[in-house]
PDB file of N, CA and C in Angstrom:
ATOM      1  N   MET A   1     229.348  99.161  73.157  1.00  0.00           N
ATOM      2  CA  MET A   1     229.813  99.050  74.544  1.00  0.00           C
ATOM      3  C   MET A   1     230.167 100.431  75.071  1.00  0.00           C
ATOM      4  N   ASN A   2     229.779 100.702  76.290  1.00  0.00           N
ATOM      5  CA  ASN A   2     230.021 101.988  76.915  1.00  0.00           C
ATOM      6  C   ASN A   2     231.326 101.913  77.709  1.00  0.00           C
ATOM      7  N   HIS A   3     232.392 102.511  77.176  1.00  0.00           N
ATOM      8  CA  HIS A   3     233.722 102.350  77.763  1.00  0.00           C
ATOM      9  C   HIS A   3     233.919 103.109  79.067  1.00  0.00           C
ATOM     10  N   HIS A   4     233.235 104.245  79.240  1.00  0.00           N
ATOM     11  CA  HIS A   4     233.456 104.997  80.466  1.00  0.00           C
ATOM     12  C   HIS A   4     232.887 104.285  81.690  1.00  0.00           C
ATOM     13  N   LYS A   5     231.961 103.364  81.496  1.00  0.00           N
ATOM     14  CA  LYS A   5     231.425 102.604  82.633  1.00  0.00           C
ATOM     15  C   LYS A   5     232.376 101.494  83.070  1.00  0.00           C
ATOM     16  N   SER A   6     233.269 101.068  82.188  1.00  0.00           N
ATOM     17  CA  SER A   6     234.201  99.999  82.553  1.00  0.00           C
ATOM     18  C   SER A   6     235.476 100.554  83.189  1.00  0.00           C
ATOM     19  N   ALA A   7     235.655 101.878  83.168  1.00  0.00           N
ATOM     20  CA  ALA A   7     236.866 102.488  83.722  1.00  0.00           C
ATOM     21  C   ALA A   7     237.065 102.170  85.204  1.00  0.00           C
ATOM     22  N   PRO A   8     236.030 102.271  86.067  1.00  0.00           N
ATOM     23  CA  PRO A   8     236.263 101.940  87.486  1.00  0.00           C
ATOM     24  C   PRO A   8     236.717 100.489  87.689  1.00  0.00           C
ATOM     25  N   GLY A   9     236.161  99.583  86.908  1.00  0.00           N
ATOM     26  CA  GLY A   9     236.574  98.183  87.012  1.00  0.00           C
ATOM     27  C   GLY A   9     238.014  97.983  86.582  1.00  0.00           C
ATOM     28  N   LEU A  10     238.408  98.655  85.519  1.00  0.00           N
ATOM     29  CA  LEU A  10     239.792  98.561  85.057  1.00  0.00           C
ATOM     30  C   LEU A  10     240.753  99.170  86.067  1.00  0.00           C
ATOM     31  N   LEU A  11     240.357 100.293  86.651  1.00  0.00           N
ATOM     32  CA  LEU A  11     241.202 100.907  87.681  1.00  0.00           C
ATOM     33  C   LEU A  11     241.335  99.993  88.900  1.00  0.00           C
ATOM     34  N   ALA A  12     240.231  99.379  89.310  1.00  0.00           N
ATOM     35  CA  ALA A  12     240.273  98.461  90.453  1.00  0.00           C
ATOM     36  C   ALA A  12     241.154  97.252  90.145  1.00  0.00           C
ATOM     37  N   ALA A  13     241.028  96.712  88.935  1.00  0.00           N
ATOM     38  CA  ALA A  13     241.866  95.568  88.545  1.00  0.00           C
ATOM     39  C   ALA A  13     243.336  95.964  88.519  1.00  0.00           C
ATOM     40  N   GLY A  14     243.632  97.137  87.962  1.00  0.00           N
ATOM     41  CA  GLY A  14     245.016  97.613  87.931  1.00  0.00           C
ATOM     42  C   GLY A  14     245.582  97.792  89.329  1.00  0.00           C
ATOM     43  N   ALA A  15     244.797  98.379  90.224  1.00  0.00           N
ATOM     44  CA  ALA A  15     245.250  98.564  91.610  1.00  0.00           C
ATOM     45  C   ALA A  15     245.489  97.222  92.290  1.00  0.00           C
ATOM     46  N   ALA A  16     244.607  96.261  92.023  1.00  0.00           N
ATOM     47  CA  ALA A  16     244.768  94.928  92.624  1.00  0.00           C
ATOM     48  C   ALA A  16     246.054  94.262  92.132  1.00  0.00           C
ATOM     49  N   PHE A  17     246.341  94.382  90.839  1.00  0.00           N
ATOM     50  CA  PHE A  17     247.568  93.788  90.299  1.00  0.00           C
ATOM     51  C   PHE A  17     248.810  94.463  90.863  1.00  0.00           C
ATOM     52  N   ILE A  18     248.748  95.783  91.030  1.00  0.00           N
ATOM     53  CA  ILE A  18     249.896  96.500  91.609  1.00  0.00           C
ATOM     54  C   ILE A  18     250.103  96.055  93.055  1.00  0.00           C
ATOM     55  N   CYS A  19     249.021  95.978  93.832  1.00  0.00           N
ATOM     56  CA  CYS A  19     249.136  95.518  95.232  1.00  0.00           C
ATOM     57  C   CYS A  19     249.693  94.103  95.299  1.00  0.00           C
ATOM     58  N   TRP A  20     249.196  93.238  94.429  1.00  0.00           N
ATOM     59  CA  TRP A  20     249.657  91.848  94.415  1.00  0.00           C
ATOM     60  C   TRP A  20     251.140  91.779  94.066  1.00  0.00           C
ATOM     61  N   GLY A  21     251.573  92.644  93.154  1.00  0.00           N
ATOM     62  CA  GLY A  21     252.984  92.671  92.761  1.00  0.00           C
ATOM     63  C   GLY A  21     253.885  93.214  93.852  1.00  0.00           C
ATOM     64  N   LEU A  22     253.378  94.143  94.649  1.00  0.00           N
ATOM     65  CA  LEU A  22     254.185  94.743  95.713  1.00  0.00           C
ATOM     66  C   LEU A  22     254.144  93.941  97.012  1.00  0.00           C
ATOM     67  N   LEU A  23     253.220  93.004  97.113  1.00  0.00           N
ATOM     68  CA  LEU A  23     253.067  92.234  98.342  1.00  0.00           C
ATOM     69  C   LEU A  23     254.358  91.543  98.808  1.00  0.00           C
ATOM     70  N   PRO A  24     255.153  90.938  97.919  1.00  0.00           N
ATOM     71  CA  PRO A  24     256.406  90.323  98.396  1.00  0.00           C
ATOM     72  C   PRO A  24     257.343  91.328  99.076  1.00  0.00           C
ATOM     73  N   LEU A  25     257.376  92.567  98.604  1.00  0.00           N
ATOM     74  CA  LEU A  25     258.214  93.586  99.248  1.00  0.00           C
ATOM     75  C   LEU A  25     257.709  93.899 100.651  1.00  0.00           C
ATOM     76  N   TYR A  26     256.394  93.908 100.796  1.00  0.00           N
ATOM     77  CA  TYR A  26     255.774  94.162 102.100  1.00  0.00           C
ATOM     78  C   TYR A  26     256.153  93.058 103.086  1.00  0.00           C
ATOM     79  N   TRP A  27     256.004  91.801 102.669  1.00  0.00           N
ATOM     80  CA  TRP A  27     256.329  90.688 103.567  1.00  0.00           C
ATOM     81  C   TRP A  27     257.813  90.659 103.894  1.00  0.00           C
ATOM     82  N   LYS A  28     258.660  91.019 102.925  1.00  0.00           N
ATOM     83  CA  LYS A  28     260.107  91.063 103.165  1.00  0.00           C
ATOM     84  C   LYS A  28     260.426  92.113 104.232  1.00  0.00           C
ATOM     85  N   ALA A  29     259.748  93.261 104.151  1.00  0.00           N
ATOM     86  CA  ALA A  29     259.981  94.329 105.134  1.00  0.00           C
ATOM     87  C   ALA A  29     259.527  93.910 106.534  1.00  0.00           C
ATOM     88  N   LEU A  30     258.548  93.026 106.609  1.00  0.00           N
ATOM     89  CA  LEU A  30     258.036  92.583 107.903  1.00  0.00           C
ATOM     90  C   LEU A  30     258.708  91.310 108.422  1.00  0.00           C
ATOM     91  N   SER A  31     259.710  90.823 107.733  1.00  0.00           N
ATOM     92  CA  SER A  31     260.314  89.542 108.115  1.00  0.00           C
ATOM     93  C   SER A  31     260.929  89.572 109.517  1.00  0.00           C
ATOM     94  N   ALA A  32     261.348  90.744 109.990  1.00  0.00           N
ATOM     95  CA  ALA A  32     261.965  90.829 111.319  1.00  0.00           C
ATOM     96  C   ALA A  32     260.927  90.969 112.433  1.00  0.00           C
ATOM     97  N   VAL A  33     259.667  91.188 112.073  1.00  0.00           N
ATOM     98  CA  VAL A  33     258.614  91.390 113.070  1.00  0.00           C
ATOM     99  C   VAL A  33     257.981  90.041 113.411  1.00  0.00           C
ATOM    100  N   PRO A  34     257.837  89.717 114.678  1.00  0.00           N
ATOM    101  CA  PRO A  34     257.223  88.435 115.066  1.00  0.00           C
ATOM    102  C   PRO A  34     255.784  88.335 114.532  1.00  0.00           C
ATOM    103  N   SER A  35     255.423  87.149 114.080  1.00  0.00           N
ATOM    104  CA  SER A  35     254.098  86.956 113.487  1.00  0.00           C
ATOM    105  C   SER A  35     252.968  87.251 114.481  1.00  0.00           C
ATOM    106  N   LEU A  36     253.168  86.948 115.761  1.00  0.00           N
ATOM    107  CA  LEU A  36     252.140  87.245 116.757  1.00  0.00           C
ATOM    108  C   LEU A  36     251.890  88.755 116.860  1.00  0.00           C
ATOM    109  N   GLU A  37     252.946  89.539 116.753  1.00  0.00           N
ATOM    110  CA  GLU A  37     252.798  90.994 116.796  1.00  0.00           C
ATOM    111  C   GLU A  37     252.017  91.493 115.578  1.00  0.00           C
ATOM    112  N   ILE A  38     252.280  90.915 114.414  1.00  0.00           N
ATOM    113  CA  ILE A  38     251.558  91.287 113.192  1.00  0.00           C
ATOM    114  C   ILE A  38     250.071  90.961 113.346  1.00  0.00           C
ATOM    115  N   ILE A  39     249.777  89.778 113.868  1.00  0.00           N
ATOM    116  CA  ILE A  39     248.379  89.368 114.057  1.00  0.00           C
ATOM    117  C   ILE A  39     247.678  90.304 115.046  1.00  0.00           C
ATOM    118  N   CYS A  40     248.365  90.642 116.136  1.00  0.00           N
ATOM    119  CA  CYS A  40     247.768  91.545 117.127  1.00  0.00           C
ATOM    120  C   CYS A  40     247.468  92.915 116.522  1.00  0.00           C
ATOM    121  N   HIS A  41     248.388  93.432 115.720  1.00  0.00           N
ATOM    122  CA  HIS A  41     248.151  94.715 115.059  1.00  0.00           C
ATOM    123  C   HIS A  41     246.981  94.615 114.086  1.00  0.00           C
ATOM    124  N   ARG A  42     246.921  93.531 113.321  1.00  0.00           N
ATOM    125  CA  ARG A  42     245.821  93.368 112.360  1.00  0.00           C
ATOM    126  C   ARG A  42     244.471  93.341 113.076  1.00  0.00           C
ATOM    127  N   ILE A  43     244.416  92.639 114.193  1.00  0.00           N
ATOM    128  CA  ILE A  43     243.161  92.561 114.956  1.00  0.00           C
ATOM    129  C   ILE A  43     242.799  93.937 115.511  1.00  0.00           C
ATOM    130  N   ALA A  44     243.752  94.583 116.172  1.00  0.00           N
ATOM    131  CA  ALA A  44     243.480  95.871 116.814  1.00  0.00           C
ATOM    132  C   ALA A  44     243.057  96.922 115.788  1.00  0.00           C
ATOM    133  N   TRP A  45     243.795  97.048 114.690  1.00  0.00           N
ATOM    134  CA  TRP A  45     243.479  98.073 113.696  1.00  0.00           C
ATOM    135  C   TRP A  45     242.214  97.741 112.924  1.00  0.00           C
ATOM    136  N   SER A  46     241.902  96.463 112.775  1.00  0.00           N
ATOM    137  CA  SER A  46     240.633  96.094 112.136  1.00  0.00           C
ATOM    138  C   SER A  46     239.452  96.504 113.005  1.00  0.00           C
ATOM    139  N   VAL A  47     239.587  96.326 114.316  1.00  0.00           N
ATOM    140  CA  VAL A  47     238.523  96.736 115.244  1.00  0.00           C
ATOM    141  C   VAL A  47     238.332  98.252 115.175  1.00  0.00           C
ATOM    142  N   VAL A  48     239.435  98.999 115.172  1.00  0.00           N
ATOM    143  CA  VAL A  48     239.356 100.457 115.103  1.00  0.00           C
ATOM    144  C   VAL A  48     238.712 100.894 113.787  1.00  0.00           C
ATOM    145  N   ALA A  49     239.182 100.350 112.658  1.00  0.00           N
ATOM    146  CA  ALA A  49     238.660 100.739 111.348  1.00  0.00           C
ATOM    147  C   ALA A  49     237.184 100.373 111.203  1.00  0.00           C
ATOM    148  N   THR A  50     236.816  99.177 111.653  1.00  0.00           N
ATOM    149  CA  THR A  50     235.417  98.750 111.561  1.00  0.00           C
ATOM    150  C   THR A  50     234.537  99.606 112.465  1.00  0.00           C
ATOM    151  N   GLY A  51     235.009  99.897 113.665  1.00  0.00           N
ATOM    152  CA  GLY A  51     234.255 100.750 114.581  1.00  0.00           C
ATOM    153  C   GLY A  51     234.013 102.138 114.004  1.00  0.00           C
ATOM    154  N   LEU A  52     235.057 102.723 113.419  1.00  0.00           N
ATOM    155  CA  LEU A  52     234.907 104.043 112.800  1.00  0.00           C
ATOM    156  C   LEU A  52     233.938 103.998 111.626  1.00  0.00           C
ATOM    157  N   LEU A  53     234.039 102.956 110.812  1.00  0.00           N
ATOM    158  CA  LEU A  53     233.142 102.821 109.666  1.00  0.00           C
ATOM    159  C   LEU A  53     231.690 102.690 110.125  1.00  0.00           C
ATOM    160  N   LEU A  54     231.456 101.857 111.127  1.00  0.00           N
ATOM    161  CA  LEU A  54     230.095 101.703 111.660  1.00  0.00           C
ATOM    162  C   LEU A  54     229.584 103.007 112.249  1.00  0.00           C
ATOM    163  N   LEU A  55     230.454 103.725 112.926  1.00  0.00           N
ATOM    164  CA  LEU A  55     230.077 105.013 113.506  1.00  0.00           C
ATOM    165  C   LEU A  55     229.724 106.020 112.414  1.00  0.00           C
ATOM    166  N   LEU A  56     230.562 106.103 111.385  1.00  0.00           N
ATOM    167  CA  LEU A  56     230.319 107.035 110.280  1.00  0.00           C
ATOM    168  C   LEU A  56     229.047 106.695 109.501  1.00  0.00           C
ATOM    169  N   LEU A  57     228.740 105.414 109.384  1.00  0.00           N
ATOM    170  CA  LEU A  57     227.549 104.991 108.659  1.00  0.00           C
ATOM    171  C   LEU A  57     226.296 105.007 109.534  1.00  0.00           C
ATOM    172  N   GLY A  58     226.474 105.320 110.811  1.00  0.00           N
ATOM    173  CA  GLY A  58     225.341 105.388 111.726  1.00  0.00           C
ATOM    174  C   GLY A  58     224.719 104.036 112.019  1.00  0.00           C
ATOM    175  N   ARG A  59     225.547 103.002 112.115  1.00  0.00           N
ATOM    176  CA  ARG A  59     225.027 101.652 112.311  1.00  0.00           C
ATOM    177  C   ARG A  59     225.396 101.062 113.669  1.00  0.00           C
ATOM    178  N   MET A  60     225.733 101.931 114.624  1.00  0.00           N
ATOM    179  CA  MET A  60     226.085 101.431 115.955  1.00  0.00           C
ATOM    180  C   MET A  60     224.881 100.840 116.675  1.00  0.00           C
ATOM    181  N   GLY A  61     223.668 101.258 116.310  1.00  0.00           N
ATOM    182  CA  GLY A  61     222.463 100.676 116.896  1.00  0.00           C
ATOM    183  C   GLY A  61     222.365  99.190 116.596  1.00  0.00           C
ATOM    184  N   GLU A  62     222.768  98.803 115.384  1.00  0.00           N
ATOM    185  CA  GLU A  62     222.756  97.382 115.020  1.00  0.00           C
ATOM    186  C   GLU A  62     223.768  96.601 115.844  1.00  0.00           C
ATOM    187  N   VAL A  63     224.902  97.239 116.137  1.00  0.00           N
ATOM    188  CA  VAL A  63     225.931  96.586 116.951  1.00  0.00           C
ATOM    189  C   VAL A  63     225.396  96.370 118.367  1.00  0.00           C
ATOM    190  N   ARG A  64     224.765  97.414 118.937  1.00  0.00           N
ATOM    191  CA  ARG A  64     224.195  97.283 120.278  1.00  0.00           C
ATOM    192  C   ARG A  64     223.135  96.191 120.322  1.00  0.00           C
ATOM    193  N   LYS A  65     222.313  96.133 119.277  1.00  0.00           N
ATOM    194  CA  LYS A  65     221.264  95.111 119.204  1.00  0.00           C
ATOM    195  C   LYS A  65     221.877  93.710 119.171  1.00  0.00           C
ATOM    196  N   ALA A  66     222.923  93.518 118.361  1.00  0.00           N
ATOM    197  CA  ALA A  66     223.582  92.214 118.275  1.00  0.00           C
ATOM    198  C   ALA A  66     224.245  91.842 119.601  1.00  0.00           C
ATOM    199  N   MET A  67     224.823  92.834 120.280  1.00  0.00           N
ATOM    200  CA  MET A  67     225.481  92.576 121.561  1.00  0.00           C
ATOM    201  C   MET A  67     224.474  92.169 122.638  1.00  0.00           C
ATOM    202  N   GLY A  68     223.223  92.574 122.467  1.00  0.00           N
ATOM    203  CA  GLY A  68     222.194  92.234 123.437  1.00  0.00           C
ATOM    204  C   GLY A  68     221.526  90.894 123.175  1.00  0.00           C
ATOM    205  N   SER A  69     221.865  90.258 122.066  1.00  0.00           N
ATOM    206  CA  SER A  69     221.252  88.983 121.703  1.00  0.00           C
ATOM    207  C   SER A  69     222.239  87.844 121.933  1.00  0.00           C
ATOM    208  N   LEU A  70     221.866  86.917 122.799  1.00  0.00           N
ATOM    209  CA  LEU A  70     222.727  85.766 123.089  1.00  0.00           C
ATOM    210  C   LEU A  70     222.959  84.933 121.828  1.00  0.00           C
ATOM    211  N   ARG A  71     221.908  84.782 121.020  1.00  0.00           N
ATOM    212  CA  ARG A  71     222.034  84.011 119.768  1.00  0.00           C
ATOM    213  C   ARG A  71     223.024  84.682 118.814  1.00  0.00           C
ATOM    214  N   ASP A  72     222.872  85.998 118.632  1.00  0.00           N
ATOM    215  CA  ASP A  72     223.781  86.720 117.739  1.00  0.00           C
ATOM    216  C   ASP A  72     225.219  86.664 118.239  1.00  0.00           C
ATOM    217  N   MET A  73     225.408  86.812 119.544  1.00  0.00           N
ATOM    218  CA  MET A  73     226.765  86.748 120.103  1.00  0.00           C
ATOM    219  C   MET A  73     227.370  85.365 119.922  1.00  0.00           C
ATOM    220  N   GLY A  74     226.535  84.325 120.060  1.00  0.00           N
ATOM    221  CA  GLY A  74     227.023  82.966 119.826  1.00  0.00           C
ATOM    222  C   GLY A  74     227.441  82.762 118.381  1.00  0.00           C
ATOM    223  N   MET A  75     226.630  83.293 117.445  1.00  0.00           N
ATOM    224  CA  MET A  75     226.971  83.170 116.021  1.00  0.00           C
ATOM    225  C   MET A  75     228.256  83.936 115.706  1.00  0.00           C
ATOM    226  N   LEU A  76     228.407  85.120 116.292  1.00  0.00           N
ATOM    227  CA  LEU A  76     229.627  85.900 116.082  1.00  0.00           C
ATOM    228  C   LEU A  76     230.849  85.190 116.663  1.00  0.00           C
ATOM    229  N   ALA A  77     230.678  84.587 117.827  1.00  0.00           N
ATOM    230  CA  ALA A  77     231.785  83.849 118.447  1.00  0.00           C
ATOM    231  C   ALA A  77     232.171  82.647 117.597  1.00  0.00           C
ATOM    232  N   ALA A  78     231.161  81.933 117.089  1.00  0.00           N
ATOM    233  CA  ALA A  78     231.440  80.761 116.255  1.00  0.00           C
ATOM    234  C   ALA A  78     232.139  81.173 114.957  1.00  0.00           C
ATOM    235  N   SER A  79     231.646  82.231 114.309  1.00  0.00           N
ATOM    236  CA  SER A  79     232.275  82.664 113.059  1.00  0.00           C
ATOM    237  C   SER A  79     233.692  83.186 113.317  1.00  0.00           C
ATOM    238  N   SER A  80     233.883  83.892 114.436  1.00  0.00           N
ATOM    239  CA  SER A  80     235.225  84.376 114.783  1.00  0.00           C
ATOM    240  C   SER A  80     236.179  83.210 115.022  1.00  0.00           C
ATOM    241  N   GLY A  81     235.695  82.199 115.693  1.00  0.00           N
ATOM    242  CA  GLY A  81     236.519  81.015 115.931  1.00  0.00           C
ATOM    243  C   GLY A  81     236.907  80.316 114.638  1.00  0.00           C
ATOM    244  N   LEU A  82     235.960  80.197 113.720  1.00  0.00           N
ATOM    245  CA  LEU A  82     236.270  79.564 112.436  1.00  0.00           C
ATOM    246  C   LEU A  82     237.270  80.385 111.632  1.00  0.00           C
ATOM    247  N   ILE A  83     237.117  81.708 111.659  1.00  0.00           N
ATOM    248  CA  ILE A  83     238.077  82.568 110.961  1.00  0.00           C
ATOM    249  C   ILE A  83     239.452  82.436 111.605  1.00  0.00           C
ATOM    250  N   GLY A  84     239.482  82.397 112.936  1.00  0.00           N
ATOM    251  CA  GLY A  84     240.756  82.260 113.647  1.00  0.00           C
ATOM    252  C   GLY A  84     241.461  80.950 113.338  1.00  0.00           C
ATOM    253  N   VAL A  85     240.693  79.882 113.227  1.00  0.00           N
ATOM    254  CA  VAL A  85     241.275  78.575 112.904  1.00  0.00           C
ATOM    255  C   VAL A  85     241.825  78.569 111.479  1.00  0.00           C
ATOM    256  N   ASN A  86     241.115  79.263 110.610  1.00  0.00           N
ATOM    257  CA  ASN A  86     241.538  79.316 109.212  1.00  0.00           C
ATOM    258  C   ASN A  86     242.864  80.032 109.104  1.00  0.00           C
TER     259      ASN A  86
END
């Protein structure tokens, strides 16, 4: 078995366990913040982060193409609605 190839997986697993362990402290710190405000921030910052990532990867042409397609926009709206309901 090649151990140096498993190192990234072990590091990712360790980071995930640390994040999972610290999550209760995060939620405790946010207990005074209204849930609607948290949701609004998550939406806004996700749009910014995704936009920057698409820009850096040079994939804004795909976004423009999807925005020009009624079918694609309908699918995006439906998937967004399902995620929102969840």
